[in-house]
Protein backbone atom coordinates (compact mmCIF):
# COMPACT_ATOMS: atom_id res chain seq x y z
CA UNK A 1 -63.14 -192.89 -84.46
CA UNK A 2 -66.66 -192.67 -86.09
CA UNK A 3 -66.92 -191.39 -89.61
CA UNK A 4 -69.53 -189.92 -91.76
CA UNK A 5 -68.40 -189.92 -95.33
CA UNK A 6 -70.52 -187.58 -97.65
CA UNK A 7 -69.80 -186.30 -101.12
CA UNK A 8 -68.91 -182.55 -101.25
CA UNK A 9 -71.26 -180.11 -102.63
CA UNK A 10 -71.55 -176.15 -102.45
CA UNK A 11 -75.04 -176.30 -101.22
CA UNK A 12 -74.05 -178.46 -98.07
CA UNK A 13 -70.43 -177.52 -97.53
CA UNK A 14 -70.26 -173.87 -98.71
CA UNK A 15 -69.48 -172.55 -95.08
CA UNK A 16 -67.15 -175.38 -94.12
CA UNK A 17 -63.46 -174.83 -93.10
CA UNK A 18 -60.53 -177.45 -92.71
CA UNK A 19 -58.17 -177.11 -89.98
CA UNK A 20 -54.47 -178.08 -90.56
CA UNK A 21 -53.88 -181.65 -89.49
CA UNK A 22 -50.70 -181.57 -87.48
CA UNK A 23 -50.79 -184.57 -85.19
CA UNK A 24 -53.06 -187.13 -87.36
CA UNK A 25 -55.19 -188.02 -84.33
CA UNK A 26 -57.59 -189.99 -86.72
CA UNK A 27 -54.97 -192.54 -86.77
CA UNK A 28 -54.19 -192.57 -82.97
CA UNK A 29 -55.43 -196.35 -82.64
CA UNK A 30 -54.19 -197.60 -86.13
CA UNK A 31 -51.20 -199.77 -85.72
CA UNK A 32 -50.92 -200.31 -89.58
CA UNK A 33 -51.16 -197.49 -92.14
CA UNK A 34 -51.68 -198.37 -95.79
CA UNK A 35 -48.90 -197.30 -98.22
CA UNK A 36 -48.49 -196.99 -101.95
CA UNK A 37 -45.19 -198.07 -103.56
CA UNK A 38 -44.29 -194.54 -104.40
CA UNK A 39 -43.68 -193.71 -100.76
CA UNK A 40 -41.92 -196.83 -99.69
CA UNK A 41 -38.45 -195.61 -99.85
CA UNK A 42 -39.31 -192.56 -97.80
CA UNK A 43 -41.47 -194.45 -95.32
CA UNK A 44 -38.79 -197.13 -94.76
CA UNK A 45 -36.57 -194.34 -93.25
CA UNK A 46 -38.95 -194.03 -90.44
CA UNK A 47 -41.17 -197.29 -90.03
CA UNK A 48 -41.02 -200.98 -90.59
CA UNK A 49 -42.83 -201.57 -94.05
CA UNK A 50 -44.42 -204.91 -94.58
CA UNK A 51 -47.39 -206.78 -96.04
CA UNK A 52 -50.61 -207.99 -94.37
CA UNK A 53 -53.19 -210.37 -95.74
CA UNK A 54 -56.81 -210.02 -95.34
CA UNK A 55 -58.20 -213.16 -93.90
CA UNK A 56 -61.60 -212.94 -95.63
CA UNK A 57 -60.53 -211.84 -99.04
CA UNK A 58 -56.89 -213.13 -99.38
CA UNK A 59 -55.86 -209.75 -100.58
CA UNK A 60 -52.56 -208.34 -99.61
CA UNK A 61 -51.81 -204.72 -98.55
CA UNK A 62 -48.54 -202.88 -98.24
CA UNK A 63 -48.50 -200.96 -94.80
CA UNK A 64 -46.25 -199.04 -92.56
CA UNK A 65 -46.27 -200.29 -88.93
CA UNK A 66 -46.45 -197.56 -86.39
CA UNK A 67 -47.03 -199.71 -83.21
CA UNK A 68 -46.04 -203.01 -81.85
CA UNK A 69 -49.53 -203.89 -80.52
CA UNK A 70 -53.06 -203.78 -81.88
CA UNK A 71 -54.75 -200.43 -81.67
CA UNK A 72 -51.33 -198.92 -80.78
CA UNK A 73 -49.90 -196.02 -82.65
CA UNK A 74 -46.50 -194.75 -81.19
CA UNK A 75 -46.41 -191.65 -83.52
CA UNK A 76 -49.97 -190.22 -83.48
CA UNK A 77 -50.53 -189.31 -79.84
CA UNK A 78 -54.00 -188.99 -78.16
CA UNK A 79 -52.59 -185.93 -76.22
CA UNK A 80 -53.68 -182.97 -78.14
CA UNK A 81 -50.65 -180.88 -77.35
CA UNK A 82 -48.09 -183.35 -79.02
CA UNK A 83 -47.44 -182.98 -82.62
CA UNK A 84 -46.67 -185.81 -84.99
CA UNK A 85 -42.99 -186.24 -84.83
CA UNK A 86 -42.03 -188.56 -87.58
CA UNK A 87 -39.84 -187.48 -90.47
CA UNK A 88 -42.45 -188.71 -92.96
CA UNK A 89 -46.24 -188.99 -92.83
CA UNK A 90 -48.06 -191.46 -95.11
CA UNK A 91 -50.13 -190.19 -97.80
CA UNK A 92 -53.24 -191.71 -96.37
CA UNK A 93 -52.77 -189.56 -93.31
CA UNK A 94 -52.12 -186.35 -95.37
CA UNK A 95 -55.24 -186.88 -97.46
CA UNK A 96 -57.67 -186.99 -94.40
CA UNK A 97 -60.34 -185.90 -93.98
CA UNK A 98 -60.85 -186.33 -97.76
CA UNK A 99 -61.62 -189.39 -99.72
CA UNK A 100 -62.36 -190.44 -103.25
CA UNK A 101 -65.37 -192.60 -104.02
CA UNK A 102 -66.20 -194.17 -107.27
CA UNK A 103 -69.78 -194.39 -108.52
CA UNK A 104 -71.47 -197.29 -110.59
CA UNK A 105 -70.81 -195.11 -113.57
CA UNK A 106 -67.16 -195.20 -112.83
CA UNK A 107 -67.27 -191.35 -111.87
CA UNK A 108 -65.10 -190.32 -108.93
CA UNK A 109 -66.47 -187.85 -106.25
CA UNK A 110 -64.54 -185.96 -103.69
CA UNK A 111 -65.90 -186.93 -100.22
CA UNK A 112 -65.41 -185.71 -96.71
CA UNK A 113 -65.68 -186.98 -93.20
CA UNK A 114 -68.22 -184.70 -91.66
CA UNK A 115 -67.37 -185.88 -88.17
CA UNK A 116 -63.78 -185.11 -88.41
CA UNK A 117 -62.63 -182.46 -85.86
CA UNK A 118 -60.75 -180.92 -88.65
CA UNK A 119 -64.16 -179.80 -90.23
CA UNK A 120 -65.41 -176.64 -88.65
CA UNK A 121 -67.14 -173.31 -89.50
CA UNK A 122 -64.60 -170.86 -88.14
CA UNK A 123 -60.92 -171.58 -89.02
CA UNK A 124 -58.69 -172.95 -91.67
CA UNK A 125 -59.09 -173.41 -95.46
CA UNK A 126 -62.44 -172.95 -97.19
CA UNK A 127 -63.74 -175.57 -99.84
CA UNK A 128 -65.86 -173.28 -101.75
CA UNK A 129 -65.57 -169.63 -102.60
CA UNK A 130 -68.53 -167.15 -102.78
CA UNK A 131 -69.39 -168.08 -106.17
CA UNK A 132 -69.73 -171.71 -105.21
CA UNK A 133 -66.61 -172.57 -107.05
CA UNK A 134 -63.92 -174.95 -105.59
CA UNK A 135 -61.15 -173.08 -103.94
CA UNK A 136 -57.48 -173.84 -104.91
CA UNK A 137 -57.15 -175.75 -101.72
CA UNK A 138 -59.91 -178.14 -102.64
CA UNK A 139 -58.62 -178.50 -106.23
CA UNK A 140 -55.19 -179.42 -104.92
CA UNK A 141 -56.75 -181.94 -102.52
CA UNK A 142 -58.85 -183.48 -105.39
CA UNK A 143 -55.71 -183.86 -107.70
CA UNK A 144 -53.85 -185.57 -104.78
CA UNK A 145 -56.60 -187.96 -104.34
CA UNK A 146 -56.80 -188.90 -107.99
CA UNK A 147 -53.09 -189.35 -108.06
CA UNK A 148 -53.25 -191.44 -104.92
CA UNK A 149 -55.97 -193.79 -106.49
CA UNK A 150 -53.78 -194.26 -109.52
CA UNK A 151 -50.89 -195.13 -107.13
CA UNK A 152 -52.93 -197.68 -105.32
CA UNK A 153 -53.44 -199.47 -108.68
CA UNK A 154 -49.77 -199.50 -109.43
CA UNK A 155 -49.20 -200.88 -105.90
CA UNK A 156 -51.79 -203.66 -106.54
CA UNK A 157 -49.65 -204.53 -109.65
CA UNK A 158 -46.38 -204.72 -107.54
CA UNK A 159 -48.09 -207.00 -105.07
CA UNK A 160 -49.35 -209.21 -107.73
CA UNK A 161 -45.73 -209.36 -109.27
CA UNK A 162 -44.43 -210.44 -105.83
CA UNK A 163 -47.06 -213.31 -105.55
CA UNK A 164 -46.40 -214.49 -109.15
CA UNK A 165 -42.83 -215.16 -108.17
CA UNK A 166 -43.89 -216.57 -104.77
CA UNK A 167 -41.69 -213.93 -102.88
CA UNK A 168 -44.20 -213.14 -100.12
CA UNK A 169 -43.98 -215.39 -97.07
CA UNK A 170 -45.39 -215.26 -93.52
CA UNK A 171 -43.11 -214.03 -90.78
CA UNK A 172 -43.07 -213.68 -86.96
CA UNK A 173 -41.39 -211.07 -85.00
CA UNK A 174 -40.32 -211.66 -81.51
CA UNK A 175 -39.40 -208.44 -79.35
CA UNK A 176 -37.93 -208.55 -76.03
CA UNK A 177 -38.81 -205.55 -73.65
CA UNK A 178 -36.52 -205.41 -70.89
CA UNK A 179 -37.21 -208.33 -68.46
CA UNK A 180 -40.85 -208.76 -69.56
CA UNK A 181 -42.00 -211.68 -71.65
CA UNK A 182 -41.28 -211.37 -75.21
CA UNK A 183 -43.77 -209.67 -77.55
CA UNK A 184 -44.78 -211.66 -80.61
CA UNK A 185 -46.06 -210.14 -83.76
CA UNK A 186 -47.43 -212.46 -86.35
CA UNK A 187 -49.74 -212.09 -89.24
CA UNK A 188 -47.17 -210.26 -91.19
CA UNK A 189 -45.67 -211.06 -94.63
CA UNK A 190 -42.16 -210.09 -95.92
CA UNK A 191 -40.17 -210.61 -99.11
CA UNK A 192 -38.26 -213.98 -98.81
CA UNK A 193 -34.68 -212.99 -99.35
CA UNK A 194 -33.54 -216.51 -100.37
CA UNK A 195 -36.07 -216.94 -103.06
CA UNK A 196 -35.20 -213.32 -104.13
CA UNK A 197 -31.57 -214.31 -104.49
CA UNK A 198 -32.58 -217.50 -106.37
CA UNK A 199 -34.61 -215.98 -108.90
CA UNK A 200 -33.90 -216.44 -112.59
CA UNK A 201 -31.44 -213.82 -113.98
CA UNK A 202 -34.01 -212.57 -116.51
CA UNK A 203 -36.62 -212.22 -113.82
CA UNK A 204 -34.26 -210.43 -111.50
CA UNK A 205 -33.26 -208.10 -114.20
CA UNK A 206 -36.84 -207.26 -115.10
CA UNK A 207 -37.53 -206.51 -111.35
CA UNK A 208 -34.46 -204.16 -111.25
CA UNK A 209 -35.57 -202.47 -114.58
CA UNK A 210 -38.97 -201.60 -113.45
CA UNK A 211 -38.08 -200.27 -110.30
CA UNK A 212 -39.38 -203.18 -108.14
CA UNK A 213 -36.23 -204.17 -106.79
CA UNK A 214 -35.61 -200.89 -105.03
CA UNK A 215 -38.86 -200.97 -103.49
CA UNK A 216 -38.16 -204.57 -102.22
CA UNK A 217 -34.74 -203.62 -100.87
CA UNK A 218 -36.14 -200.62 -99.05
CA UNK A 219 -38.89 -202.92 -97.44
CA UNK A 220 -36.21 -205.35 -96.32
CA UNK A 221 -34.05 -202.81 -95.00
CA UNK A 222 -36.90 -201.05 -93.23
CA UNK A 223 -37.18 -203.85 -90.62
CA UNK A 224 -34.39 -202.24 -88.75
CA UNK A 225 -37.03 -199.60 -87.77
CA UNK A 226 -38.55 -202.22 -85.43
CA UNK A 227 -35.77 -201.24 -82.89
CA UNK A 228 -37.09 -197.65 -83.30
CA UNK A 229 -40.69 -198.77 -82.38
CA UNK A 230 -39.34 -200.75 -79.38
CA UNK A 231 -37.40 -197.58 -78.11
CA UNK A 232 -40.56 -195.54 -78.42
CA UNK A 233 -42.60 -198.06 -76.62
CA UNK A 234 -40.24 -198.28 -73.86
CA UNK A 235 -40.04 -194.54 -73.61
CA UNK A 236 -43.88 -194.22 -73.48
CA UNK A 237 -44.04 -196.90 -70.66
CA UNK A 238 -41.54 -195.01 -68.45
CA UNK A 239 -43.40 -191.76 -68.68
């Protein structure tokens, strides 16, 4: 989906409305959705939660897996009449079509994807009132975006902690779909349970005290949700 990200201004966006985002179609071809640590426990009840590595930068990202193949999202249908039906929606989906961009002066600006189908001139929530002041809707969105950026920094710290203790290791998933050839998913990383169990007692206690252990356990338990994705894929194939 093409995007055109522009900073919000009353002069340019005074007459803009934002429709409610019920099916998150902007992510219909996104297999992996970025997460922050604060939502892992909730996301893990619905999706596999894992880590991926950028081959160019070496940077790791915490993600939810919503499909079993590249450009496949089994939750966000490209059929307009179908609603998003997961029990949890990642924050990055809910924030859309808004973004927060940082200038060279370290100032944040709320931006919007002007090409989003949610952006229109007829229905939904207004961004500015008749006095060119931000509406409560926009103020709440801006607060959510700032909080999300803060959570992203905490998430980077969590990942760095895992790397410092050599807990992230590459994994490969093999899934059998009926009588078809097995489906292999590689390029993902998980916490190595054996290394976790062999950590020094002091380190383990620190992980428990700062909440990292709860996130790790939720991540490991979430891999059971691969079965849910498999059922969804088979169901969609039989339609």
